[in-house]
Protein backbone atom coordinates (compact mmCIF):
# COMPACT_ATOMS: atom_id res chain seq x y z
CA UNK A 1 -15.58 7.68 2.81
CA UNK A 2 -17.85 4.76 4.02
CA UNK A 3 -19.39 5.12 0.51
CA UNK A 4 -16.31 5.40 -1.32
CA UNK A 5 -15.17 2.37 0.43
CA UNK A 6 -18.31 0.36 -0.22
CA UNK A 7 -18.03 0.97 -4.11
CA UNK A 8 -14.88 -1.00 -4.48
CA UNK A 9 -17.35 -3.97 -3.70
CA UNK A 10 -19.16 -3.77 -6.78
CA UNK A 11 -18.07 -7.04 -8.11
CA UNK A 12 -19.37 -8.89 -4.73
CA UNK A 13 -22.86 -6.94 -4.94
CA UNK A 14 -24.86 -9.93 -5.13
CA UNK A 15 -22.45 -12.09 -2.25
CA UNK A 16 -23.33 -8.83 -0.11
CA UNK A 17 -27.15 -8.98 -0.89
CA UNK A 18 -27.26 -12.42 -0.18
CA UNK A 19 -25.38 -11.75 3.22
CA UNK A 20 -27.51 -9.04 4.26
CA UNK A 21 -30.75 -11.12 3.31
CA UNK A 22 -29.41 -14.29 4.96
CA UNK A 23 -28.94 -12.23 8.17
CA UNK A 24 -32.22 -10.67 7.97
CA UNK A 25 -34.13 -13.65 7.34
CA UNK A 26 -32.00 -15.48 10.76
CA UNK A 27 -33.28 -12.89 13.05
CA UNK A 28 -37.06 -12.68 12.33
CA UNK A 29 -36.76 -16.92 12.60
CA UNK A 30 -35.02 -16.62 15.84
CA UNK A 31 -37.19 -13.46 16.96
CA UNK A 32 -39.99 -16.02 16.34
CA UNK A 33 -38.59 -18.47 18.41
CA UNK A 34 -39.73 -16.85 22.14
CA UNK A 35 -43.44 -16.31 20.94
CA UNK A 36 -43.37 -19.88 20.33
CA UNK A 37 -42.37 -20.50 23.57
CA UNK A 38 -44.36 -18.21 25.66
CA UNK A 39 -47.25 -19.78 23.91
CA UNK A 40 -46.17 -23.42 25.02
CA UNK A 41 -45.88 -22.31 28.48
CA UNK A 42 -49.29 -20.24 28.94
CA UNK A 43 -51.49 -22.73 26.20
CA UNK A 44 -49.92 -26.20 26.52
CA UNK A 45 -48.51 -26.45 29.90
CA UNK A 46 -51.29 -24.68 31.41
CA UNK A 47 -53.49 -26.92 30.22
CA UNK A 48 -51.45 -29.56 30.18
CA UNK A 49 -52.17 -30.27 26.29
CA UNK A 50 -48.81 -33.10 25.21
CA UNK A 51 -49.73 -32.64 21.40
CA UNK A 52 -49.96 -28.82 21.51
CA UNK A 53 -46.55 -28.88 23.07
CA UNK A 54 -45.09 -31.35 20.58
CA UNK A 55 -46.27 -29.72 17.65
CA UNK A 56 -45.14 -26.19 18.65
CA UNK A 57 -41.83 -27.70 20.08
CA UNK A 58 -41.56 -29.33 16.52
CA UNK A 59 -42.04 -25.79 15.25
CA UNK A 60 -39.36 -23.79 17.48
CA UNK A 61 -36.89 -26.49 16.30
CA UNK A 62 -37.87 -26.15 12.76
CA UNK A 63 -36.97 -22.63 13.27
CA UNK A 64 -33.95 -22.99 14.85
CA UNK A 65 -32.97 -25.27 12.26
CA UNK A 66 -33.75 -23.09 9.22
CA UNK A 67 -32.29 -19.85 11.19
CA UNK A 68 -28.98 -22.04 11.23
CA UNK A 69 -28.84 -22.75 8.10
CA UNK A 70 -28.96 -19.01 7.14
CA UNK A 71 -26.63 -18.85 9.58
CA UNK A 72 -23.86 -20.29 7.64
CA UNK A 73 -25.23 -18.85 4.24
CA UNK A 74 -24.63 -15.49 5.72
CA UNK A 75 -21.43 -16.25 7.59
CA UNK A 76 -20.21 -17.54 3.62
CA UNK A 77 -21.66 -14.68 2.00
CA UNK A 78 -20.38 -12.03 4.21
CA UNK A 79 -16.78 -13.29 3.52
CA UNK A 80 -16.65 -13.85 -0.06
CA UNK A 81 -17.80 -10.18 -0.20
CA UNK A 82 -15.25 -9.28 2.87
CA UNK A 83 -12.54 -10.48 1.04
CA UNK A 84 -13.58 -9.31 -2.47
CA UNK A 85 -13.50 -5.86 -0.78
CA UNK A 86 -10.26 -6.02 0.97
CA UNK A 87 -8.46 -7.73 -2.82
CA UNK A 88 -10.47 -4.66 -4.88
CA UNK A 89 -8.68 -2.33 -2.17
CA UNK A 90 -5.11 -3.83 -2.80
CA UNK A 91 -5.73 -3.53 -6.35
CA UNK A 92 -6.56 0.30 -6.45
CA UNK A 93 -3.75 0.91 -3.94
CA UNK A 94 -1.14 -0.79 -6.02
CA UNK A 95 -2.31 0.34 -9.29
CA UNK A 96 -1.89 4.13 -8.01
CA UNK A 97 1.51 3.23 -6.51
CA UNK A 98 2.17 2.34 -10.18
CA UNK A 99 1.18 5.46 -11.53
CA UNK A 100 3.36 7.42 -8.85
CA UNK A 101 6.31 9.65 -10.09
CA UNK A 102 9.32 9.66 -7.75
CA UNK A 103 7.63 12.95 -6.21
CA UNK A 104 4.19 11.27 -5.35
CA UNK A 105 6.68 8.34 -3.63
CA UNK A 106 8.50 10.89 -1.73
CA UNK A 107 5.26 12.00 -0.06
CA UNK A 108 4.83 8.54 2.36
CA UNK A 109 7.75 6.34 3.38
CA UNK A 110 7.91 2.80 1.83
CA UNK A 111 6.83 1.18 5.05
CA UNK A 112 3.62 3.56 5.71
CA UNK A 113 2.86 2.49 2.16
CA UNK A 114 3.29 -1.05 2.61
CA UNK A 115 1.20 -0.93 6.32
CA UNK A 116 -1.64 0.72 4.06
CA UNK A 117 -2.09 -1.97 1.41
CA UNK A 118 -1.69 -5.04 4.12
CA UNK A 119 -2.53 -3.74 8.02
CA UNK A 120 -5.06 -0.96 6.78
CA UNK A 121 -6.93 -3.00 4.04
CA UNK A 122 -7.14 -6.24 6.63
CA UNK A 123 -8.63 -4.08 9.22
CA UNK A 124 -11.49 -2.96 6.82
CA UNK A 125 -12.45 -6.62 5.02
CA UNK A 126 -12.26 -8.17 8.32
CA UNK A 127 -14.80 -5.25 9.07
CA UNK A 128 -17.10 -6.23 6.53
CA UNK A 129 -16.55 -9.75 7.42
CA UNK A 130 -17.54 -10.06 10.92
CA UNK A 131 -19.05 -6.69 11.11
CA UNK A 132 -21.88 -7.58 8.22
CA UNK A 133 -23.86 -9.63 10.77
CA UNK A 134 -23.97 -7.52 13.50
CA UNK A 135 -24.75 -4.26 11.48
CA UNK A 136 -27.91 -5.50 9.74
CA UNK A 137 -29.08 -8.24 12.24
CA UNK A 138 -28.93 -6.06 15.44
CA UNK A 139 -31.23 -2.88 14.20
CA UNK A 140 -33.70 -5.25 12.58
CA UNK A 141 -33.80 -7.59 16.07
CA UNK A 142 -34.08 -4.36 18.34
CA UNK A 143 -36.79 -3.09 16.15
CA UNK A 144 -38.62 -6.22 15.58
CA UNK A 145 -38.07 -7.25 19.90
CA UNK A 146 -39.12 -3.42 20.88
CA UNK A 147 -41.96 -3.69 18.61
CA UNK A 148 -43.16 -7.33 20.39
CA UNK A 149 -41.91 -5.85 23.88
CA UNK A 150 -44.98 -3.27 23.74
CA UNK A 151 -47.60 -5.75 22.29
CA UNK A 152 -46.91 -7.79 25.44
CA UNK A 153 -46.63 -5.29 28.01
CA UNK A 154 -46.30 -1.39 26.99
CA UNK A 155 -45.65 -0.45 30.98
CA UNK A 156 -42.85 -2.78 31.14
CA UNK A 157 -40.77 -1.77 27.82
CA UNK A 158 -40.75 1.66 29.00
CA UNK A 159 -37.64 0.98 31.00
CA UNK A 160 -35.92 0.74 27.35
CA UNK A 161 -36.21 4.72 26.98
CA UNK A 162 -33.97 4.93 29.74
CA UNK A 163 -31.75 2.32 29.04
CA UNK A 164 -31.01 3.40 25.26
CA UNK A 165 -29.71 6.62 25.84
CA UNK A 166 -27.62 5.83 28.62
CA UNK A 167 -26.32 3.00 26.15
CA UNK A 168 -25.67 6.09 23.26
CA UNK A 169 -24.05 8.26 25.77
CA UNK A 170 -21.65 5.71 27.21
CA UNK A 171 -20.61 4.29 23.60
CA UNK A 172 -20.21 8.13 22.35
CA UNK A 173 -17.77 8.88 25.28
CA UNK A 174 -15.42 5.51 24.50
CA UNK A 175 -15.66 6.26 20.28
CA UNK A 176 -14.30 9.97 21.75
CA UNK A 177 -11.57 8.83 23.46
CA UNK A 178 -10.42 5.91 21.08
CA UNK A 179 -10.64 7.21 17.83
CA UNK A 180 -7.23 9.97 18.12
CA UNK A 181 -5.87 6.46 19.73
CA UNK A 182 -6.42 3.95 16.32
CA UNK A 183 -4.98 6.78 14.38
CA UNK A 184 -1.37 7.05 16.67
CA UNK A 185 -1.78 3.27 16.81
CA UNK A 186 -1.58 2.62 12.66
CA UNK A 187 1.34 5.42 12.92
CA UNK A 188 3.09 3.39 15.50
CA UNK A 189 2.96 0.39 13.06
CA UNK A 190 4.44 2.12 10.29
CA UNK A 191 7.46 2.88 12.23
CA UNK A 192 8.00 -0.42 13.41
CA UNK A 193 7.63 -1.56 9.64
CA UNK A 194 9.98 0.92 8.64
CA UNK A 195 12.77 -0.06 10.97
CA UNK A 196 12.14 -3.71 9.95
CA UNK A 197 12.40 -3.00 6.45
CA UNK A 198 15.40 -0.77 6.90
CA UNK A 199 17.48 -3.62 9.16
CA UNK A 200 16.41 -6.16 6.68
CA UNK A 201 17.58 -4.31 3.78
CA UNK A 202 20.91 -3.27 5.37
CA UNK A 203 21.31 -6.50 6.99
CA UNK A 204 24.93 -6.54 5.60
CA UNK A 205 25.93 -3.10 6.83
CA UNK A 206 24.83 -4.35 10.62
CA UNK A 207 26.49 -7.14 10.49
CA UNK A 208 29.39 -5.67 9.36
CA UNK A 209 29.52 -2.86 11.66
CA UNK A 210 28.60 -4.87 14.47
CA UNK A 211 25.61 -2.80 15.14
CA UNK A 212 23.11 -5.43 16.32
CA UNK A 213 22.40 -4.20 19.91
CA UNK A 214 21.82 -0.74 18.38
CA UNK A 215 19.49 -2.14 16.22
CA UNK A 216 17.70 -4.11 18.58
CA UNK A 217 17.44 -1.45 20.84
CA UNK A 218 15.79 0.79 18.28
CA UNK A 219 13.63 -1.83 17.43
CA UNK A 220 12.29 -2.16 21.15
CA UNK A 221 11.91 1.44 21.22
CA UNK A 222 9.36 1.63 18.70
CA UNK A 223 7.82 -1.67 19.57
CA UNK A 224 7.28 -0.38 23.07
CA UNK A 225 5.90 2.82 21.52
CA UNK A 226 3.49 0.54 19.53
CA UNK A 227 2.38 -1.63 22.73
CA UNK A 228 1.78 1.60 24.43
CA UNK A 229 -0.63 2.94 22.36
CA UNK A 230 -2.39 0.10 21.46
CA UNK A 231 -2.56 -0.53 24.94
CA UNK A 232 -4.29 2.48 25.74
CA UNK A 233 -6.46 2.21 22.58
CA UNK A 234 -7.54 -1.01 24.03
CA UNK A 235 -7.96 -0.17 27.61
CA UNK A 236 -10.57 2.43 26.58
CA UNK A 237 -12.27 0.40 23.55
CA UNK A 238 -12.98 -2.61 26.28
CA UNK A 239 -14.94 -0.19 28.19
CA UNK A 240 -17.62 -1.16 26.10
CA UNK A 241 -18.59 -4.16 26.97
CA UNK A 242 -18.48 -3.37 30.86
CA UNK A 243 -20.15 -0.52 30.10
CA UNK A 244 -22.92 -2.58 27.99
CA UNK A 245 -23.41 -5.29 30.61
CA UNK A 246 -23.90 -3.13 33.39
CA UNK A 247 -26.99 -1.25 31.72
CA UNK A 248 -28.04 -4.58 30.37
CA UNK A 249 -28.35 -6.30 33.97
CA UNK A 250 -29.82 -3.30 35.81
CA UNK A 251 -32.37 -3.30 32.52
CA UNK A 252 -32.78 -6.77 33.49
CA UNK A 253 -33.41 -6.30 37.45
CA UNK A 254 -35.76 -3.76 37.05
CA UNK A 255 -37.81 -5.36 34.65
CA UNK A 256 -37.81 -8.97 36.85
CA UNK A 257 -39.25 -6.28 40.03
CA UNK A 258 -41.80 -4.79 37.96
CA UNK A 259 -42.67 -7.97 36.22
CA UNK A 260 -42.93 -9.84 39.23
CA UNK A 261 -45.32 -7.52 41.13
CA UNK A 262 -47.37 -7.23 38.01
CA UNK A 263 -47.79 -11.19 38.45
CA UNK A 264 -48.32 -11.18 41.64
CA UNK A 265 -50.71 -8.47 40.84
CA UNK A 266 -52.36 -11.13 38.00
CA UNK A 267 -51.61 -7.91 35.61
CA UNK A 268 -49.42 -10.41 33.63
CA UNK A 269 -49.05 -13.97 32.90
CA UNK A 270 -45.75 -16.04 33.91
CA UNK A 271 -45.58 -16.62 30.04
CA UNK A 272 -45.61 -13.04 29.08
CA UNK A 273 -43.13 -12.32 31.80
CA UNK A 274 -40.75 -15.12 30.45
CA UNK A 275 -41.38 -14.13 26.73
CA UNK A 276 -40.95 -10.59 27.75
CA UNK A 277 -37.45 -11.20 29.17
CA UNK A 278 -36.31 -13.06 25.68
CA UNK A 279 -36.76 -10.13 24.11
CA UNK A 280 -35.62 -7.66 26.86
CA UNK A 281 -32.23 -9.75 26.16
CA UNK A 282 -32.73 -9.77 22.57
CA UNK A 283 -32.74 -6.04 22.45
CA UNK A 284 -29.97 -5.39 24.79
CA UNK A 285 -27.75 -7.59 23.07
CA UNK A 286 -28.89 -5.52 19.99
CA UNK A 287 -27.68 -2.57 21.44
CA UNK A 288 -24.42 -4.37 22.48
CA UNK A 289 -23.93 -5.73 19.12
CA UNK A 290 -24.55 -2.39 17.78
CA UNK A 291 -22.03 -0.72 20.16
CA UNK A 292 -19.45 -3.35 18.85
CA UNK A 293 -19.95 -2.32 15.29
CA UNK A 294 -19.92 1.25 15.93
CA UNK A 295 -16.41 0.30 17.58
CA UNK A 296 -15.36 -1.52 14.65
CA UNK A 297 -16.61 1.35 12.51
CA UNK A 298 -14.15 3.59 14.67
CA UNK A 299 -11.20 1.59 13.69
CA UNK A 300 -12.04 1.08 10.23
CA UNK A 301 -12.52 4.64 9.04
CA UNK A 302 -9.21 5.73 10.37
CA UNK A 303 -7.86 2.91 8.05
CA UNK A 304 -9.68 4.05 5.41
CA UNK A 305 -8.73 7.47 5.79
CA UNK A 306 -5.21 6.41 5.40
CA UNK A 307 -6.08 4.34 2.01
CA UNK A 308 -7.85 7.08 0.65
CA UNK A 309 -4.86 9.35 1.35
CA UNK A 310 -2.98 7.43 -0.96
CA UNK A 311 -5.84 6.89 -3.66
CA UNK A 312 -6.43 10.80 -3.48
CA UNK A 313 -2.82 11.35 -3.80
CA UNK A 314 -2.73 13.48 -7.12
CA UNK A 315 -0.21 12.32 -9.53
CA UNK A 316 1.79 15.08 -10.63
CA UNK A 317 2.73 13.52 -13.97
CA UNK A 318 0.36 12.67 -16.19
CA UNK A 319 -0.08 12.39 -19.84
CA UNK A 320 -2.55 15.30 -20.37
CA UNK A 321 -0.35 17.03 -23.36
CA UNK A 322 1.05 13.67 -24.79
CA UNK A 323 0.24 13.13 -28.64
CA UNK A 324 0.50 10.11 -30.58
CA UNK A 325 4.06 10.44 -31.57
CA UNK A 326 7.34 8.35 -30.88
CA UNK A 327 11.07 8.92 -30.21
CA UNK A 328 12.77 8.51 -33.51
CA UNK A 329 16.12 9.82 -32.88
CA UNK A 330 17.09 10.51 -29.53
CA UNK A 331 18.29 14.60 -29.70
CA UNK A 332 17.80 15.92 -26.41
CA UNK A 333 17.55 19.96 -25.25
CA UNK A 334 17.28 21.52 -22.32
CA UNK A 335 16.15 24.80 -22.12
CA UNK A 336 16.83 27.03 -19.42
CA UNK A 337 15.51 24.20 -17.11
CA UNK A 338 14.84 24.96 -13.36
CA UNK A 339 14.28 21.99 -11.02
CA UNK A 340 13.45 21.54 -7.26
CA UNK A 341 11.88 18.63 -5.44
CA UNK A 342 9.32 20.20 -3.38
CA UNK A 343 7.65 23.52 -4.93
CA UNK A 344 7.88 25.06 -1.65
CA UNK A 345 11.33 24.28 -1.28
CA UNK A 346 13.81 27.93 -1.06
CA UNK A 347 16.72 26.94 -3.51
CA UNK A 348 16.34 24.69 -6.83
CA UNK A 349 18.38 21.67 -7.41
CA UNK A 350 18.84 22.84 -11.35
CA UNK A 351 19.46 26.20 -12.18
CA UNK A 352 19.19 27.42 -15.81
CA UNK A 353 20.07 24.40 -17.44
CA UNK A 354 20.87 25.06 -20.83
CA UNK A 355 22.11 22.01 -23.04
CA UNK A 356 21.96 20.62 -26.69
CA UNK A 357 22.85 16.72 -27.54
CA UNK A 358 22.53 15.26 -30.32
CA UNK A 359 21.71 11.92 -31.62
CA UNK A 360 24.15 9.19 -31.43
CA UNK A 361 26.77 11.33 -28.96
CA UNK A 362 28.38 10.08 -25.93
CA UNK A 363 27.83 12.75 -23.48
CA UNK A 364 29.93 12.57 -19.83
CA UNK A 365 28.70 14.08 -16.94
CA UNK A 366 31.27 14.84 -14.07
CA UNK A 367 30.85 16.63 -10.48
CA UNK A 368 31.42 16.39 -7.29
CA UNK A 369 28.60 14.37 -5.08
CA UNK A 370 25.48 16.19 -4.50
CA UNK A 371 26.14 18.29 -8.15
CA UNK A 372 22.72 17.16 -9.47
CA UNK A 373 23.97 14.79 -11.76
CA UNK A 374 21.13 12.45 -11.32
CA UNK A 375 18.55 15.21 -10.96
CA UNK A 376 19.37 16.10 -14.35
CA UNK A 377 19.16 12.96 -16.06
CA UNK A 378 15.93 12.17 -14.10
CA UNK A 379 14.21 14.92 -15.94
CA UNK A 380 14.74 12.93 -19.21
CA UNK A 381 12.64 10.29 -18.98
CA UNK A 382 9.89 12.38 -16.79
CA UNK A 383 11.08 10.20 -13.94
CA UNK A 384 10.51 13.95 -12.59
CA UNK A 385 9.28 17.13 -14.15
CA UNK A 386 11.18 20.21 -14.49
CA UNK A 387 9.80 23.14 -12.34
CA UNK A 388 10.33 25.70 -15.13
CA UNK A 389 11.81 25.65 -18.49
CA UNK A 390 11.43 22.76 -20.98
CA UNK A 391 13.24 19.35 -21.56
CA UNK A 392 13.00 18.25 -25.55
CA UNK A 393 13.94 15.01 -27.18
CA UNK A 394 13.91 15.07 -31.14
CA UNK A 395 12.30 18.75 -31.21
CA UNK A 396 9.41 18.06 -28.66
CA UNK A 397 8.91 18.74 -25.34
CA UNK A 398 9.17 15.17 -22.79
CA UNK A 399 5.72 15.96 -22.16
CA UNK A 400 4.15 15.39 -25.77
CA UNK A 401 4.98 12.03 -25.50
CA UNK A 402 3.12 9.29 -24.04
CA UNK A 403 5.02 7.97 -20.89
CA UNK A 404 5.47 4.34 -21.97
CA UNK A 405 6.44 5.63 -25.20
CA UNK A 406 8.88 8.01 -23.75
CA UNK A 407 10.53 5.34 -20.95
CA UNK A 408 10.87 2.46 -23.93
CA UNK A 409 12.89 5.05 -25.55
CA UNK A 410 14.89 6.50 -22.78
CA UNK A 411 16.73 3.40 -20.79
CA UNK A 412 18.40 4.36 -17.66
CA UNK A 413 20.77 2.21 -15.72
CA UNK A 414 20.26 3.65 -12.25
CA UNK A 415 22.81 4.35 -9.70
CA UNK A 416 21.03 1.95 -7.28
CA UNK A 417 21.21 -1.49 -9.06
CA UNK A 418 18.44 -3.42 -8.52
CA UNK A 419 17.49 -7.08 -9.61
CA UNK A 420 14.31 -9.35 -8.80
CA UNK A 421 14.21 -12.71 -7.86
CA UNK A 422 13.91 -15.28 -10.71
CA UNK A 423 16.28 -16.38 -12.81
CA UNK A 424 19.16 -14.32 -14.94
CA UNK A 425 17.17 -14.58 -17.98
CA UNK A 426 13.95 -13.63 -16.15
CA UNK A 427 15.50 -10.71 -15.14
CA UNK A 428 17.35 -9.41 -18.29
CA UNK A 429 13.76 -9.69 -20.21
CA UNK A 430 12.42 -6.70 -18.16
CA UNK A 431 14.19 -5.08 -21.05
CA UNK A 432 12.03 -6.93 -23.80
CA UNK A 433 9.56 -9.65 -22.72
CA UNK A 434 9.91 -11.31 -25.67
CA UNK A 435 13.48 -11.60 -26.35
CA UNK A 436 15.08 -14.45 -28.19
CA UNK A 437 18.07 -16.31 -26.90
CA UNK A 438 20.19 -14.88 -29.46
CA UNK A 439 19.53 -11.00 -28.69
CA UNK A 440 20.02 -12.06 -24.65
CA UNK A 441 23.33 -13.31 -25.39
CA UNK A 442 24.10 -10.37 -27.47
CA UNK A 443 23.35 -7.62 -25.12
CA UNK A 444 25.04 -9.65 -22.65
CA UNK A 445 27.95 -9.80 -25.00
CA UNK A 446 28.64 -5.97 -25.18
CA UNK A 447 27.97 -5.95 -21.46
CA UNK A 448 30.83 -8.28 -20.44
CA UNK A 449 28.10 -10.77 -19.05
CA UNK A 450 29.46 -13.31 -20.97
CA UNK A 451 32.49 -13.02 -19.41
CA UNK A 452 31.02 -14.60 -16.20
CA UNK A 453 27.67 -16.10 -16.96
CA UNK A 454 29.25 -19.50 -17.65
CA UNK A 455 30.68 -19.43 -13.82
CA UNK A 456 26.98 -19.61 -12.67
CA UNK A 457 25.62 -23.01 -11.91
CA UNK A 458 22.82 -22.70 -14.15
CA UNK A 459 23.98 -20.02 -16.68
CA UNK A 460 21.03 -18.02 -17.97
CA UNK A 461 18.70 -20.05 -15.65
CA UNK A 462 20.50 -19.59 -12.55
CA UNK A 463 18.13 -18.42 -9.96
CA UNK A 464 19.08 -15.12 -8.55
CA UNK A 465 18.31 -14.51 -4.77
CA UNK A 466 16.34 -11.26 -3.49
CA UNK A 467 17.75 -8.45 -4.99
CA UNK A 468 20.63 -10.52 -6.75
CA UNK A 469 22.67 -11.35 -3.63
CA UNK A 470 24.33 -14.21 -4.88
CA UNK A 471 26.26 -12.04 -7.75
CA UNK A 472 28.88 -9.92 -7.18
CA UNK A 473 28.43 -5.83 -7.44
CA UNK A 474 30.06 -5.77 -10.77
CA UNK A 475 28.37 -8.72 -11.73
CA UNK A 476 25.06 -7.26 -11.02
CA UNK A 477 25.76 -3.99 -12.44
CA UNK A 478 26.53 -5.69 -15.84
CA UNK A 479 23.34 -7.47 -15.79
CA UNK A 480 21.65 -4.05 -15.16
CA UNK A 481 23.26 -2.71 -18.24
CA UNK A 482 22.58 -5.83 -20.71
CA UNK A 483 19.07 -5.48 -19.34
CA UNK A 484 18.84 -1.36 -20.52
CA UNK A 485 20.55 -2.84 -23.88
CA UNK A 486 17.89 -5.17 -24.64
CA UNK A 487 15.34 -2.40 -24.97
CA UNK A 488 17.50 -1.15 -28.05
CA UNK A 489 16.69 2.51 -27.02
CA UNK A 490 17.23 5.65 -28.40
CA UNK A 491 18.62 7.54 -25.56
CA UNK A 492 20.77 5.19 -22.95
CA UNK A 493 21.45 6.41 -19.42
CA UNK A 494 24.26 5.34 -17.35
CA UNK A 495 24.15 6.85 -14.11
CA UNK A 496 27.09 5.72 -12.19
CA UNK A 497 26.69 2.36 -13.50
CA UNK A 498 29.92 1.07 -13.51
CA UNK A 499 31.78 2.32 -10.86
CA UNK A 500 31.76 -1.32 -9.16
CA UNK A 501 33.31 -2.68 -12.31
CA UNK A 502 37.10 -2.63 -13.74
CA UNK A 503 38.49 0.22 -15.71
CA UNK A 504 39.69 -2.60 -18.16
CA UNK A 505 35.54 -4.49 -18.43
CA UNK A 506 34.45 -0.77 -17.98
CA UNK A 507 36.58 0.16 -21.24
CA UNK A 508 35.47 -3.10 -23.18
CA UNK A 509 31.94 -2.18 -22.59
CA UNK A 510 32.43 1.14 -23.73
CA UNK A 511 33.62 -0.09 -27.41
CA UNK A 512 31.73 -2.55 -27.50
CA UNK A 513 28.47 -0.46 -27.31
CA UNK A 514 29.89 2.14 -29.51
CA UNK A 515 30.03 -0.45 -32.27
CA UNK A 516 26.77 -1.81 -31.56
CA UNK A 517 24.73 1.22 -31.28
CA UNK A 518 26.43 4.17 -33.39
CA UNK A 519 23.05 6.11 -33.37
CA UNK A 520 22.04 5.68 -29.74
CA UNK A 521 22.79 8.42 -27.35
CA UNK A 522 25.19 7.86 -24.44
CA UNK A 523 25.25 9.70 -21.20
CA UNK A 524 27.43 8.49 -18.73
CA UNK A 525 27.41 9.88 -15.51
CA UNK A 526 31.12 8.77 -13.52
CA UNK A 527 33.26 10.09 -10.84
CA UNK A 528 36.05 8.67 -12.72
CA UNK A 529 37.96 10.61 -15.60
CA UNK A 530 38.10 7.33 -17.16
CA UNK A 531 35.06 6.45 -17.76
CA UNK A 532 33.94 10.36 -19.59
CA UNK A 533 37.38 10.66 -21.30
CA UNK A 534 36.63 9.89 -24.76
CA UNK A 535 33.18 11.11 -24.78
CA UNK A 536 31.95 13.56 -27.53
CA UNK A 537 31.19 16.17 -24.99
CA UNK A 538 31.90 16.28 -21.26
CA UNK A 539 29.29 18.38 -18.80
CA UNK A 540 30.94 19.36 -15.96
CA UNK A 541 28.10 20.07 -13.17
CA UNK A 542 28.55 22.29 -9.85
CA UNK A 543 25.94 23.22 -7.27
CA UNK A 544 23.35 22.50 -9.95
CA UNK A 545 24.69 24.56 -12.87
CA UNK A 546 26.34 23.68 -15.75
CA UNK A 547 30.29 24.74 -15.00
CA UNK A 548 31.67 24.30 -18.28
CA UNK A 549 31.21 21.93 -21.57
CA UNK A 550 33.46 20.39 -23.66
CA UNK A 551 35.65 17.88 -24.84
CA UNK A 552 38.52 16.10 -22.97
CA UNK A 553 41.22 18.09 -24.21
CA UNK A 554 39.19 21.33 -24.44
CA UNK A 555 38.25 21.12 -20.46
CA UNK A 556 41.97 20.04 -19.36
CA UNK A 557 43.56 22.85 -21.45
CA UNK A 558 41.24 25.62 -19.72
CA UNK A 559 39.31 24.28 -16.85
CA UNK A 560 40.54 24.07 -13.18
CA UNK A 561 37.71 22.07 -11.74
CA UNK A 562 38.23 19.36 -14.41
CA UNK A 563 42.25 19.78 -14.28
CA UNK A 564 42.24 19.45 -10.50
CA UNK A 565 40.08 15.88 -11.03
CA UNK A 566 42.16 14.45 -13.60
CA UNK A 567 45.69 15.15 -11.65
CA UNK A 568 43.96 13.78 -8.75
CA UNK A 569 42.85 10.76 -9.75
CA UNK A 570 45.62 10.07 -12.10
CA UNK A 571 48.01 10.42 -9.44
CA UNK A 572 45.78 8.00 -7.18
CA UNK A 573 46.44 5.76 -9.71
CA UNK A 574 49.92 5.95 -10.14
CA UNK A 575 50.15 7.58 -13.79
């Protein structure tokens, strides 16, 4: 997995290599300094040779300055490569999100996807930026310092063979216990983000129902859970430093004891012991750095696995069967279609759907809540794929069309209307990027947007807040209809998209649409009989099946479900 993560750093290979070269070079210059210092003590100080001391001192200062410059370079290049890796991972994840079908997004919560795109990527990029230096510096320093230590005094250097295994054992125990804690911690972050996202999205509902205290308690609960898990994880992780220090100071004491005895017995010079201690400290510091790198790597691997789960998610809607064709007319046929959202679900959401819709027809779909009306129309633009059976468009299975061409030809005004930050015109041009002002005005006339656009502060240049908060529900629906019309599609689907529009305005939209788009297939999903009463065919859905198909007059004369709906709504309207 580490290899796969680092493969996203290809564009930043040069800064990464330069960072490694700077780190290794800096380490070698730092390792030379103790040798020069020992030489100053044993030769210059011992003989009182001031010129020798000054020349060696100048050499030591030069090595320190070069080491400093290389340190700055290594920090700069490591930051560039780390931030670059983070940018590429975010780009790859975001690109994968865009290829997800609705079924794929159902596998992850939106809060978890956001955490994986931000927090998990940040953990990895910071690990590279800050971890590259100790990861390459420590081994070089340790190996070189060990080699020099053995050349100074092999007997004293044997102490490392006791300290190193002890440090390794302590590190293994700490990582073994902290790894599952990091996984739980990231999941807790997902949960906190989910609560925040839900609360911000539904803030008006929270205020309307005076549920602030309840939401605060709910957030406090998940926040406390995150704090508790984080405390446990870091409580174990921080044991790394004291464990390293205990071993390090014990090693230094042993060396001072045995080394002092060697000096007294004339088996070792004071300068040699001083230099040896310098290298001992470097070896032990290297081991400490390596342990910190392993701790950092442990958390990064947890984040890496979460990122790879997204990148490895198999996209279930592909273009493997697509041909170089486009939708010309808008004939739709469902041939014994079955559908369920999860393959292991016990029941089908849609069962044995057989339906034939001709180009240019206006189709109404009604039924009780949960009758699978929305599920039915989502199969046409392949927002989901049929589990069994085939959906045809212009006589070809929808899988034969490239997704871009298919979805450009099938406009869907979803049940949940969404507008984006930006101007009214920016939102409308989602339907057609290069739409002229005349085209925008025409679709706004059809969708009755022209009835309120003049009342907005800057007309088409009015800035819409996030989600279109500064327009009403009915205005938002009409803007979404105009946006869909701007695509000039062969099929247009309205999923209860006029529920917030009054019946008179809805009737005008239908009339203008019929006149402006005579050859476009129009499908209306609605709860109101008045929304579908003039349709060429009305489809009644019940429990995921087609219960009846016919015109208004035919169904009113023969179908009890339609009769009940009609009479209850007409009586409720006082007609």
